[in-house]
Amino acid sequence: MLTIPHRFSFLVLFFCLSCCASVKENAEQQDSQVLKDLKMLSSDGFEGRKTGTAGAEKAAMFIVDRFKSLGLQSFNEQSTYVQYFKFADKEGTAHTGKNIIGYIPGKLKETLVISAHYDHLGEKGDSIYNGADDNASGVAALLQFAAYFSKNKPNFTLIFAAFDAEEMGLCGAKAFVENPPVQLNRIQLNINMDMIAHNEKNELYVCGTYKYPQWKDYIEGTKDEAKVKLLLGHDNPDTGHDDWTNQSDQGPFHDKGIPFLYFGVEDHKDYHQPSDTYENINPTFYVNAVQAILGVIQNIDNKLSSQIQINKNKVM
């Protein structure tokens, strides 16, 4: 029979082990969900998600349904989360795109825009270009972050933007900054993700600090804790095509003078190929990359918001 002190010690130990098990289980569930979302969005049923196709519509509704289930707020009166926009392709053909936009109000009106494009290349002949890394990976991460902050109230107001028509010239992001749901001067930063699931060297690049060096501190504070190598680079304008500044949806934000951090991997053999499938991503790397990006967002949300609040108090 246990004595009273031993019983107490046993209960404390049991409680601690239960909490640890619960935290581990929650983390595993989150990891499982982000992989499930990536696998779903890159499955054949979405037909490669080319803008204007049934597959893209299916992807858009998938994201809308998830935003609803997470309780994200909508900027439009119909609460559909959809921002329609029109554009012309290189041949002059008119198209209609659909950005999916939701937000979580924070303690501050200042805003971070977290983005990823959901469109890809569709079908060519008998091949489906599923775009698992490009960019089901970014969208699944975006949904993961929306789920996290729906349960953990942020300091900044967070806009979650799933852009359409990136593959046709960054058209969704251009439409967003030309017709933003909030004043552009409220947007402190764009955090964009495009191809974050496929790398054999465990390397994830963070582009943007060459032009906006003030953001380095928020990244470097997560390096020791992350299980993936966060490398700064691919943002020097003197490096030609190796400068990624205008190669994904962060470009239109940068053109408006809005700082950005773009997370992505270097090109791989499956880039823009039918072989960019769920089976060819690196699941462990991907889960760790998502966690590393979340760590950066948390750093920014905690540290920068505190500085903004201090500055506001000084003015008052």
C-alpha atoms as a PDB file:
ATOM      1  CA  MET A   1       0.000   0.000   0.000  1.00  0.00           C
ATOM      2  CA  LEU A   2       1.242   3.520  -0.890  1.00  0.00           C
ATOM      3  CA  THR A   3       1.698   6.032   1.918  1.00  0.00           C
ATOM      4  CA  ILE A   4       0.063   9.450   1.484  1.00  0.00           C
ATOM      5  CA  PRO A   5       3.281  11.182   0.299  1.00  0.00           C
ATOM      6  CA  HIS A   6       3.937   8.336  -2.112  1.00  0.00           C
ATOM      7  CA  ARG A   7       0.394   8.537  -3.373  1.00  0.00           C
ATOM      8  CA  PHE A   8       0.829  12.269  -3.936  1.00  0.00           C
ATOM      9  CA  SER A   9       4.117  11.735  -5.771  1.00  0.00           C
ATOM     10  CA  PHE A  10       2.510   9.049  -7.864  1.00  0.00           C
ATOM     11  CA  LEU A  11      -0.383  11.355  -8.782  1.00  0.00           C
ATOM     12  CA  VAL A  12       2.016  14.161  -9.736  1.00  0.00           C
ATOM     13  CA  LEU A  13       4.043  11.772 -11.872  1.00  0.00           C
ATOM     14  CA  PHE A  14       0.881  10.385 -13.462  1.00  0.00           C
ATOM     15  CA  PHE A  15      -0.381  13.905 -14.198  1.00  0.00           C
ATOM     16  CA  CYS A  16       2.932  14.933 -15.792  1.00  0.00           C
ATOM     17  CA  LEU A  17       3.112  11.817 -17.918  1.00  0.00           C
ATOM     18  CA  SER A  18      -0.496  12.298 -18.987  1.00  0.00           C
ATOM     19  CA  CYS A  19       0.181  15.915 -19.973  1.00  0.00           C
ATOM     20  CA  CYS A  20       3.282  14.929 -21.933  1.00  0.00           C
ATOM     21  CA  ALA A  21       1.356  12.174 -23.667  1.00  0.00           C
ATOM     22  CA  SER A  22      -1.446  14.611 -24.465  1.00  0.00           C
ATOM     23  CA  VAL A  23       0.960  17.201 -25.921  1.00  0.00           C
ATOM     24  CA  LYS A  24       2.673  14.511 -27.987  1.00  0.00           C
ATOM     25  CA  GLU A  25      -0.675  13.177 -29.178  1.00  0.00           C
ATOM     26  CA  ASN A  26      -1.844  16.684 -30.171  1.00  0.00           C
ATOM     27  CA  ALA A  27       1.407  17.298 -32.056  1.00  0.00           C
ATOM     28  CA  GLU A  28       1.083  13.972 -33.846  1.00  0.00           C
ATOM     29  CA  GLN A  29      -2.518  14.764 -34.757  1.00  0.00           C
ATOM     30  CA  GLN A  30      -1.464  18.120 -36.188  1.00  0.00           C
ATOM     31  CA  ASP A  31       1.350  16.490 -38.145  1.00  0.00           C
ATOM     32  CA  SER A  32      -1.093  13.908 -39.433  1.00  0.00           C
ATOM     33  CA  GLN A  33      -3.605  16.578 -40.480  1.00  0.00           C
ATOM     34  CA  VAL A  34      -1.104  18.667 -42.440  1.00  0.00           C
ATOM     35  CA  LEU A  35       0.029  15.553 -44.327  1.00  0.00           C
ATOM     36  CA  LYS A  36      -3.582  14.525 -44.948  1.00  0.00           C
ATOM     37  CA  ASP A  37      -4.369  17.970 -46.358  1.00  0.00           C
ATOM     38  CA  LEU A  38      -1.314  17.901 -48.624  1.00  0.00           C
ATOM     39  CA  LYS A  39      -2.205  14.419 -49.849  1.00  0.00           C
ATOM     40  CA  MET A  40      -5.818  15.400 -50.499  1.00  0.00           C
ATOM     41  CA  LEU A  41      -5.040  18.610 -52.403  1.00  0.00           C
ATOM     42  CA  SER A  42      -2.485  16.825 -54.592  1.00  0.00           C
ATOM     43  CA  SER A  43      -4.691  13.811 -55.349  1.00  0.00           C
ATOM     44  CA  ASP A  44      -5.934  13.026 -58.861  1.00  0.00           C
ATOM     45  CA  GLY A  45      -9.441  14.142 -57.934  1.00  0.00           C
ATOM     46  CA  PHE A  46      -8.269  17.764 -57.949  1.00  0.00           C
ATOM     47  CA  GLU A  47      -7.006  17.400 -61.535  1.00  0.00           C
ATOM     48  CA  GLY A  48      -3.912  19.525 -60.986  1.00  0.00           C
ATOM     49  CA  ARG A  49      -5.906  22.574 -59.777  1.00  0.00           C
ATOM     50  CA  LYS A  50      -5.414  24.684 -62.915  1.00  0.00           C
ATOM     51  CA  THR A  51      -7.131  28.074 -62.675  1.00  0.00           C
ATOM     52  CA  GLY A  52     -10.628  28.021 -64.124  1.00  0.00           C
ATOM     53  CA  THR A  53     -11.035  24.231 -64.098  1.00  0.00           C
ATOM     54  CA  ALA A  54     -13.264  21.957 -62.047  1.00  0.00           C
ATOM     55  CA  GLY A  55     -10.199  20.833 -60.120  1.00  0.00           C
ATOM     56  CA  ALA A  56      -9.371  24.396 -59.066  1.00  0.00           C
ATOM     57  CA  GLU A  57     -12.992  24.939 -58.038  1.00  0.00           C
ATOM     58  CA  LYS A  58     -12.854  21.792 -55.927  1.00  0.00           C
ATOM     59  CA  ALA A  59      -9.651  23.020 -54.263  1.00  0.00           C
ATOM     60  CA  ALA A  60     -11.194  26.438 -53.598  1.00  0.00           C
ATOM     61  CA  MET A  61     -14.225  24.861 -51.929  1.00  0.00           C
ATOM     62  CA  PHE A  62     -11.966  22.587 -49.876  1.00  0.00           C
ATOM     63  CA  ILE A  63     -10.209  25.662 -48.484  1.00  0.00           C
ATOM     64  CA  VAL A  64     -13.493  27.529 -47.948  1.00  0.00           C
ATOM     65  CA  ASP A  65     -14.940  24.618 -45.996  1.00  0.00           C
ATOM     66  CA  ARG A  66     -11.843  24.447 -43.823  1.00  0.00           C
ATOM     67  CA  PHE A  67     -11.933  28.195 -43.149  1.00  0.00           C
ATOM     68  CA  LYS A  68     -15.571  27.828 -42.066  1.00  0.00           C
ATOM     69  CA  SER A  69     -14.841  24.890 -39.784  1.00  0.00           C
ATOM     70  CA  LEU A  70     -12.008  26.829 -38.127  1.00  0.00           C
ATOM     71  CA  GLY A  71     -14.204  29.878 -37.576  1.00  0.00           C
ATOM     72  CA  LEU A  72     -12.182  32.292 -39.698  1.00  0.00           C
ATOM     73  CA  GLN A  73     -13.946  35.568 -40.413  1.00  0.00           C
ATOM     74  CA  SER A  74     -14.700  36.814 -43.915  1.00  0.00           C
ATOM     75  CA  PHE A  75     -14.220  40.281 -45.357  1.00  0.00           C
ATOM     76  CA  ASN A  76     -17.231  40.091 -47.679  1.00  0.00           C
ATOM     77  CA  GLU A  77     -20.869  40.382 -46.689  1.00  0.00           C
ATOM     78  CA  GLN A  78     -21.767  36.963 -48.067  1.00  0.00           C
ATOM     79  CA  SER A  79     -19.196  35.291 -45.790  1.00  0.00           C
ATOM     80  CA  THR A  80     -17.963  33.209 -48.716  1.00  0.00           C
ATOM     81  CA  TYR A  81     -14.248  34.102 -48.282  1.00  0.00           C
ATOM     82  CA  VAL A  82     -14.001  34.427 -52.083  1.00  0.00           C
ATOM     83  CA  GLN A  83     -12.336  37.390 -53.791  1.00  0.00           C
ATOM     84  CA  TYR A  84     -13.092  37.227 -57.512  1.00  0.00           C
ATOM     85  CA  PHE A  85     -10.754  38.906 -59.973  1.00  0.00           C
ATOM     86  CA  LYS A  86     -10.375  39.089 -63.725  1.00  0.00           C
ATOM     87  CA  PHE A  87      -7.154  38.899 -65.703  1.00  0.00           C
ATOM     88  CA  ALA A  88      -5.820  38.071 -69.139  1.00  0.00           C
ATOM     89  CA  ASP A  89      -3.195  35.434 -69.896  1.00  0.00           C
ATOM     90  CA  LYS A  90      -0.195  35.916 -72.175  1.00  0.00           C
ATOM     91  CA  GLU A  91      -2.347  35.190 -75.218  1.00  0.00           C
ATOM     92  CA  GLY A  92      -4.890  37.806 -74.163  1.00  0.00           C
ATOM     93  CA  THR A  93      -7.567  35.310 -73.152  1.00  0.00           C
ATOM     94  CA  ALA A  94      -9.772  36.551 -70.308  1.00  0.00           C
ATOM     95  CA  HIS A  95     -10.046  34.524 -67.103  1.00  0.00           C
ATOM     96  CA  THR A  96     -11.713  34.810 -63.707  1.00  0.00           C
ATOM     97  CA  GLY A  97      -9.714  33.820 -60.648  1.00  0.00           C
ATOM     98  CA  LYS A  98     -10.782  33.137 -57.075  1.00  0.00           C
ATOM     99  CA  ASN A  99      -8.672  34.064 -54.074  1.00  0.00           C
ATOM    100  CA  ILE A 100      -9.812  32.539 -50.789  1.00  0.00           C
ATOM    101  CA  ILE A 101      -9.357  35.075 -47.987  1.00  0.00           C
ATOM    102  CA  GLY A 102     -10.149  34.724 -44.286  1.00  0.00           C
ATOM    103  CA  TYR A 103      -8.848  36.326 -41.139  1.00  0.00           C
ATOM    104  CA  ILE A 104      -8.466  35.980 -37.392  1.00  0.00           C
ATOM    105  CA  PRO A 105      -8.742  39.308 -35.543  1.00  0.00           C
ATOM    106  CA  GLY A 106      -5.881  40.018 -33.176  1.00  0.00           C
ATOM    107  CA  LYS A 107      -5.326  42.415 -30.324  1.00  0.00           C
ATOM    108  CA  LEU A 108      -3.847  44.909 -32.803  1.00  0.00           C
ATOM    109  CA  LYS A 109      -5.242  46.263 -36.050  1.00  0.00           C
ATOM    110  CA  GLU A 110      -1.780  45.837 -37.585  1.00  0.00           C
ATOM    111  CA  THR A 111      -1.813  42.828 -39.875  1.00  0.00           C
ATOM    112  CA  LEU A 112       0.292  39.934 -41.129  1.00  0.00           C
ATOM    113  CA  VAL A 113      -0.709  38.284 -44.403  1.00  0.00           C
ATOM    114  CA  ILE A 114       0.079  34.558 -44.510  1.00  0.00           C
ATOM    115  CA  SER A 115      -0.214  33.267 -48.059  1.00  0.00           C
ATOM    116  CA  ALA A 116       0.186  30.323 -50.410  1.00  0.00           C
ATOM    117  CA  HIS A 117      -1.137  29.716 -53.929  1.00  0.00           C
ATOM    118  CA  TYR A 118      -3.461  26.773 -54.471  1.00  0.00           C
ATOM    119  CA  ASP A 119      -3.444  26.613 -58.271  1.00  0.00           C
ATOM    120  CA  HIS A 120      -1.125  24.469 -60.371  1.00  0.00           C
ATOM    121  CA  LEU A 121      -0.705  23.309 -63.985  1.00  0.00           C
ATOM    122  CA  GLY A 122      -3.689  21.001 -64.389  1.00  0.00           C
ATOM    123  CA  GLU A 123      -3.711  18.221 -66.988  1.00  0.00           C
ATOM    124  CA  LYS A 124      -1.615  17.869 -70.120  1.00  0.00           C
ATOM    125  CA  GLY A 125      -2.424  14.945 -72.361  1.00  0.00           C
ATOM    126  CA  ASP A 126      -2.749  11.866 -70.200  1.00  0.00           C
ATOM    127  CA  SER A 127      -0.725  13.364 -67.342  1.00  0.00           C
ATOM    128  CA  ILE A 128      -1.979  15.097 -64.219  1.00  0.00           C
ATOM    129  CA  TYR A 129       0.346  17.709 -62.748  1.00  0.00           C
ATOM    130  CA  ASN A 130      -0.709  17.207 -59.133  1.00  0.00           C
ATOM    131  CA  GLY A 131       1.613  19.830 -57.650  1.00  0.00           C
ATOM    132  CA  ALA A 132       2.177  18.218 -54.257  1.00  0.00           C
ATOM    133  CA  ASP A 133       5.162  20.386 -53.416  1.00  0.00           C
ATOM    134  CA  ASP A 134       4.018  23.155 -55.772  1.00  0.00           C
ATOM    135  CA  ASN A 135       1.945  24.175 -53.932  1.00  0.00           C
ATOM    136  CA  ALA A 136      -0.337  21.860 -52.023  1.00  0.00           C
ATOM    137  CA  SER A 137       2.455  21.957 -49.437  1.00  0.00           C
ATOM    138  CA  GLY A 138       2.063  25.696 -48.860  1.00  0.00           C
ATOM    139  CA  VAL A 139      -1.731  25.548 -48.679  1.00  0.00           C
ATOM    140  CA  ALA A 140      -1.728  22.660 -46.199  1.00  0.00           C
ATOM    141  CA  ALA A 141       0.713  24.636 -44.022  1.00  0.00           C
ATOM    142  CA  LEU A 142      -1.525  27.710 -44.265  1.00  0.00           C
ATOM    143  CA  LEU A 143      -4.470  25.623 -43.025  1.00  0.00           C
ATOM    144  CA  GLN A 144      -2.299  24.287 -40.203  1.00  0.00           C
ATOM    145  CA  PHE A 145      -1.443  27.814 -39.082  1.00  0.00           C
ATOM    146  CA  ALA A 146      -5.082  28.907 -39.319  1.00  0.00           C
ATOM    147  CA  ALA A 147      -6.019  25.971 -37.087  1.00  0.00           C
ATOM    148  CA  TYR A 148      -3.320  26.872 -34.559  1.00  0.00           C
ATOM    149  CA  PHE A 149      -4.194  30.557 -34.295  1.00  0.00           C
ATOM    150  CA  SER A 150      -7.925  29.873 -34.192  1.00  0.00           C
ATOM    151  CA  LYS A 151      -7.180  28.220 -30.832  1.00  0.00           C
ATOM    152  CA  ASN A 152      -4.352  30.565 -29.773  1.00  0.00           C
ATOM    153  CA  LYS A 153      -5.422  34.185 -30.220  1.00  0.00           C
ATOM    154  CA  PRO A 154      -2.736  36.168 -32.059  1.00  0.00           C
ATOM    155  CA  ASN A 155      -1.541  39.650 -31.226  1.00  0.00           C
ATOM    156  CA  PHE A 156      -1.568  40.753 -34.865  1.00  0.00           C
ATOM    157  CA  THR A 157      -4.637  40.410 -37.009  1.00  0.00           C
ATOM    158  CA  LEU A 158      -3.806  37.504 -39.304  1.00  0.00           C
ATOM    159  CA  ILE A 159      -5.069  37.321 -42.876  1.00  0.00           C
ATOM    160  CA  PHE A 160      -4.899  33.882 -44.479  1.00  0.00           C
ATOM    161  CA  ALA A 161      -4.772  34.175 -48.270  1.00  0.00           C
ATOM    162  CA  ALA A 162      -4.937  31.201 -50.631  1.00  0.00           C
ATOM    163  CA  PHE A 163      -4.105  32.790 -53.964  1.00  0.00           C
ATOM    164  CA  ASP A 164      -5.251  31.643 -57.387  1.00  0.00           C
ATOM    165  CA  ALA A 165      -3.464  31.996 -60.740  1.00  0.00           C
ATOM    166  CA  GLU A 166       0.084  32.215 -59.397  1.00  0.00           C
ATOM    167  CA  GLU A 167       1.244  29.951 -62.202  1.00  0.00           C
ATOM    168  CA  MET A 168      -0.252  32.384 -64.733  1.00  0.00           C
ATOM    169  CA  GLY A 169       1.728  35.388 -63.521  1.00  0.00           C
ATOM    170  CA  LEU A 170       1.125  35.961 -59.789  1.00  0.00           C
ATOM    171  CA  CYS A 171      -2.339  37.203 -60.743  1.00  0.00           C
ATOM    172  CA  GLY A 172      -4.100  36.401 -57.473  1.00  0.00           C
ATOM    173  CA  ALA A 173      -1.538  38.229 -55.362  1.00  0.00           C
ATOM    174  CA  LYS A 174      -1.605  41.195 -57.737  1.00  0.00           C
ATOM    175  CA  ALA A 175      -5.396  41.348 -57.420  1.00  0.00           C
ATOM    176  CA  PHE A 176      -5.118  41.221 -53.634  1.00  0.00           C
ATOM    177  CA  VAL A 177      -2.739  44.176 -53.300  1.00  0.00           C
ATOM    178  CA  GLU A 178      -4.697  46.201 -55.871  1.00  0.00           C
ATOM    179  CA  ASN A 179      -7.947  45.592 -54.006  1.00  0.00           C
ATOM    180  CA  PRO A 180      -6.866  44.795 -50.435  1.00  0.00           C
ATOM    181  CA  PRO A 181      -9.382  43.983 -47.706  1.00  0.00           C
ATOM    182  CA  VAL A 182      -7.492  46.283 -45.324  1.00  0.00           C
ATOM    183  CA  GLN A 183      -5.422  49.389 -45.925  1.00  0.00           C
ATOM    184  CA  LEU A 184      -1.985  48.426 -47.201  1.00  0.00           C
ATOM    185  CA  ASN A 185      -0.274  50.506 -44.524  1.00  0.00           C
ATOM    186  CA  ARG A 186      -1.741  48.162 -41.916  1.00  0.00           C
ATOM    187  CA  ILE A 187       0.110  45.180 -43.409  1.00  0.00           C
ATOM    188  CA  GLN A 188       3.405  44.757 -41.566  1.00  0.00           C
ATOM    189  CA  LEU A 189       4.608  41.689 -43.455  1.00  0.00           C
ATOM    190  CA  ASN A 190       3.708  39.055 -46.044  1.00  0.00           C
ATOM    191  CA  ILE A 191       4.721  35.513 -45.090  1.00  0.00           C
ATOM    192  CA  ASN A 192       4.489  33.444 -48.259  1.00  0.00           C
ATOM    193  CA  MET A 193       5.025  29.708 -48.736  1.00  0.00           C
ATOM    194  CA  ASP A 194       5.613  28.035 -52.089  1.00  0.00           C
ATOM    195  CA  MET A 195       7.237  24.580 -52.290  1.00  0.00           C
ATOM    196  CA  ILE A 196       8.198  23.614 -48.743  1.00  0.00           C
ATOM    197  CA  ALA A 197       7.889  19.790 -48.784  1.00  0.00           C
ATOM    198  CA  HIS A 198      10.632  18.374 -51.014  1.00  0.00           C
ATOM    199  CA  ASN A 199      14.298  18.656 -50.123  1.00  0.00           C
ATOM    200  CA  GLU A 200      16.907  15.945 -49.665  1.00  0.00           C
ATOM    201  CA  LYS A 201      19.347  18.146 -47.722  1.00  0.00           C
ATOM    202  CA  ASN A 202      16.940  19.237 -44.981  1.00  0.00           C
ATOM    203  CA  GLU A 203      17.234  22.854 -46.164  1.00  0.00           C
ATOM    204  CA  LEU A 204      14.470  25.441 -46.245  1.00  0.00           C
ATOM    205  CA  TYR A 205      15.296  28.884 -47.606  1.00  0.00           C
ATOM    206  CA  VAL A 206      13.953  32.120 -46.182  1.00  0.00           C
ATOM    207  CA  CYS A 207      14.027  34.822 -48.826  1.00  0.00           C
ATOM    208  CA  GLY A 208      13.587  38.504 -48.021  1.00  0.00           C
ATOM    209  CA  THR A 209      16.142  39.511 -45.404  1.00  0.00           C
ATOM    210  CA  TYR A 210      18.597  40.940 -47.942  1.00  0.00           C
ATOM    211  CA  LYS A 211      16.044  43.658 -48.682  1.00  0.00           C
ATOM    212  CA  TYR A 212      14.509  43.715 -45.211  1.00  0.00           C
ATOM    213  CA  PRO A 213      17.337  42.855 -42.762  1.00  0.00           C
ATOM    214  CA  GLN A 214      15.239  43.845 -39.748  1.00  0.00           C
ATOM    215  CA  TRP A 215      13.475  40.471 -39.964  1.00  0.00           C
ATOM    216  CA  LYS A 216      16.609  38.374 -39.406  1.00  0.00           C
ATOM    217  CA  ASP A 217      16.250  38.378 -35.623  1.00  0.00           C
ATOM    218  CA  TYR A 218      12.839  36.728 -35.785  1.00  0.00           C
ATOM    219  CA  ILE A 219      14.207  33.909 -37.920  1.00  0.00           C
ATOM    220  CA  GLU A 220      17.475  33.304 -36.124  1.00  0.00           C
ATOM    221  CA  GLY A 221      15.666  32.942 -32.820  1.00  0.00           C
ATOM    222  CA  THR A 222      14.090  29.707 -34.035  1.00  0.00           C
ATOM    223  CA  LYS A 223      17.112  28.049 -35.660  1.00  0.00           C
ATOM    224  CA  ASP A 224      18.346  26.073 -32.653  1.00  0.00           C
ATOM    225  CA  GLU A 225      14.880  24.726 -31.920  1.00  0.00           C
ATOM    226  CA  ALA A 226      13.953  23.712 -35.446  1.00  0.00           C
ATOM    227  CA  LYS A 227      14.699  20.306 -36.930  1.00  0.00           C
ATOM    228  CA  VAL A 228      15.235  21.826 -40.350  1.00  0.00           C
ATOM    229  CA  LYS A 229      18.001  24.135 -41.604  1.00  0.00           C
ATOM    230  CA  LEU A 230      16.617  27.633 -42.169  1.00  0.00           C
ATOM    231  CA  LEU A 231      18.922  29.317 -44.674  1.00  0.00           C
ATOM    232  CA  LEU A 232      18.816  32.982 -45.622  1.00  0.00           C
ATOM    233  CA  GLY A 233      19.247  33.783 -49.288  1.00  0.00           C
ATOM    234  CA  HIS A 234      17.940  33.835 -52.858  1.00  0.00           C
ATOM    235  CA  ASP A 235      17.040  37.509 -52.518  1.00  0.00           C
ATOM    236  CA  ASN A 236      20.100  39.402 -53.809  1.00  0.00           C
ATOM    237  CA  PRO A 237      19.112  41.325 -56.963  1.00  0.00           C
ATOM    238  CA  ASP A 238      22.642  40.892 -58.343  1.00  0.00           C
ATOM    239  CA  THR A 239      22.148  37.106 -58.665  1.00  0.00           C
ATOM    240  CA  GLY A 240      19.705  37.204 -61.579  1.00  0.00           C
ATOM    241  CA  HIS A 241      17.347  34.220 -61.680  1.00  0.00           C
ATOM    242  CA  ASP A 242      18.616  33.084 -58.275  1.00  0.00           C
ATOM    243  CA  ASP A 243      16.829  36.105 -56.801  1.00  0.00           C
ATOM    244  CA  TRP A 244      13.371  34.720 -55.926  1.00  0.00           C
ATOM    245  CA  THR A 245      11.858  38.077 -54.947  1.00  0.00           C
ATOM    246  CA  ASN A 246       9.428  38.211 -57.872  1.00  0.00           C
ATOM    247  CA  GLN A 247       9.111  34.479 -58.519  1.00  0.00           C
ATOM    248  CA  SER A 248       6.147  33.855 -56.240  1.00  0.00           C
ATOM    249  CA  ASP A 249       3.296  35.733 -54.609  1.00  0.00           C
ATOM    250  CA  GLN A 250       5.504  37.834 -52.341  1.00  0.00           C
ATOM    251  CA  GLY A 251       6.494  39.834 -55.444  1.00  0.00           C
ATOM    252  CA  PRO A 252       3.376  42.039 -55.645  1.00  0.00           C
ATOM    253  CA  PHE A 253       3.658  42.813 -51.924  1.00  0.00           C
ATOM    254  CA  HIS A 254       7.286  43.848 -52.377  1.00  0.00           C
ATOM    255  CA  ASP A 255       6.244  46.053 -55.316  1.00  0.00           C
ATOM    256  CA  LYS A 256       3.938  47.906 -52.929  1.00  0.00           C
ATOM    257  CA  GLY A 257       6.740  48.393 -50.397  1.00  0.00           C
ATOM    258  CA  ILE A 258       5.459  45.704 -48.024  1.00  0.00           C
ATOM    259  CA  PRO A 259       8.212  43.544 -46.460  1.00  0.00           C
ATOM    260  CA  PHE A 260       8.076  39.808 -47.065  1.00  0.00           C
ATOM    261  CA  LEU A 261       9.514  36.516 -45.912  1.00  0.00           C
ATOM    262  CA  TYR A 262       9.233  33.771 -48.508  1.00  0.00           C
ATOM    263  CA  PHE A 263       9.775  30.154 -47.475  1.00  0.00           C
ATOM    264  CA  GLY A 264      10.689  27.646 -50.177  1.00  0.00           C
ATOM    265  CA  VAL A 265      13.071  24.952 -51.333  1.00  0.00           C
ATOM    266  CA  GLU A 266      15.354  25.013 -54.326  1.00  0.00           C
ATOM    267  CA  ASP A 267      14.100  23.419 -57.551  1.00  0.00           C
ATOM    268  CA  HIS A 268      14.146  19.625 -57.674  1.00  0.00           C
ATOM    269  CA  LYS A 269      13.689  16.998 -60.386  1.00  0.00           C
ATOM    270  CA  ASP A 270       9.897  16.893 -59.882  1.00  0.00           C
ATOM    271  CA  TYR A 271       9.385  20.652 -60.215  1.00  0.00           C
ATOM    272  CA  HIS A 272       6.587  21.301 -62.751  1.00  0.00           C
ATOM    273  CA  GLN A 273       6.528  17.612 -63.649  1.00  0.00           C
ATOM    274  CA  PRO A 274       3.771  14.965 -63.325  1.00  0.00           C
ATOM    275  CA  SER A 275       6.053  13.330 -60.765  1.00  0.00           C
ATOM    276  CA  ASP A 276       5.399  16.120 -58.234  1.00  0.00           C
ATOM    277  CA  THR A 277       3.153  13.797 -56.234  1.00  0.00           C
ATOM    278  CA  TYR A 278       2.566  13.082 -52.569  1.00  0.00           C
ATOM    279  CA  GLU A 279       4.710   9.946 -52.835  1.00  0.00           C
ATOM    280  CA  ASN A 280       7.743  12.055 -53.794  1.00  0.00           C
ATOM    281  CA  ILE A 281       7.694  14.633 -51.005  1.00  0.00           C
ATOM    282  CA  ASN A 282       9.810  14.238 -47.849  1.00  0.00           C
ATOM    283  CA  PRO A 283       7.186  13.881 -45.063  1.00  0.00           C
ATOM    284  CA  THR A 284       9.532  14.291 -42.101  1.00  0.00           C
ATOM    285  CA  PHE A 285      11.219  17.311 -43.675  1.00  0.00           C
ATOM    286  CA  TYR A 286       7.822  18.807 -44.498  1.00  0.00           C
ATOM    287  CA  VAL A 287       6.395  18.439 -41.008  1.00  0.00           C
ATOM    288  CA  ASN A 288       9.564  19.981 -39.548  1.00  0.00           C
ATOM    289  CA  ALA A 289       9.488  22.798 -42.105  1.00  0.00           C
ATOM    290  CA  VAL A 290       5.886  23.636 -41.175  1.00  0.00           C
ATOM    291  CA  GLN A 291       6.849  23.695 -37.504  1.00  0.00           C
ATOM    292  CA  ALA A 292       9.854  25.930 -38.215  1.00  0.00           C
ATOM    293  CA  ILE A 293       7.722  28.434 -40.134  1.00  0.00           C
ATOM    294  CA  LEU A 294       5.174  28.463 -37.334  1.00  0.00           C
ATOM    295  CA  GLY A 295       8.019  29.223 -34.921  1.00  0.00           C
ATOM    296  CA  VAL A 296       9.013  32.255 -37.002  1.00  0.00           C
ATOM    297  CA  ILE A 297       5.412  33.487 -37.101  1.00  0.00           C
ATOM    298  CA  GLN A 298       5.126  33.076 -33.338  1.00  0.00           C
ATOM    299  CA  ASN A 299       8.366  35.014 -32.845  1.00  0.00           C
ATOM    300  CA  ILE A 300       7.080  37.865 -34.977  1.00  0.00           C
ATOM    301  CA  ASP A 301       3.637  37.841 -33.390  1.00  0.00           C
ATOM    302  CA  ASN A 302       5.070  37.985 -29.878  1.00  0.00           C
ATOM    303  CA  LYS A 303       8.140  40.201 -30.194  1.00  0.00           C
ATOM    304  CA  LEU A 304       7.147  42.696 -32.875  1.00  0.00           C
ATOM    305  CA  SER A 305       3.657  43.217 -31.471  1.00  0.00           C
ATOM    306  CA  SER A 306       5.165  44.020 -28.081  1.00  0.00           C
ATOM    307  CA  GLN A 307       7.418  46.653 -29.651  1.00  0.00           C
ATOM    308  CA  ILE A 308       4.490  48.200 -31.533  1.00  0.00           C
ATOM    309  CA  GLN A 309       2.466  48.383 -28.325  1.00  0.00           C
ATOM    310  CA  ILE A 310       5.390  50.009 -26.480  1.00  0.00           C
ATOM    311  CA  ASN A 311       5.718  52.606 -29.252  1.00  0.00           C
ATOM    312  CA  LYS A 312       1.985  53.329 -29.086  1.00  0.00           C
ATOM    313  CA  ASN A 313       2.155  53.819 -25.336  1.00  0.00           C
ATOM    314  CA  LYS A 314       5.024  56.274 -25.743  1.00  0.00           C
ATOM    315  CA  VAL A 315       2.955  58.338 -28.190  1.00  0.00           C
ATOM    316  CA  MET A 316       0.025  58.355 -25.763  1.00  0.00           C
END
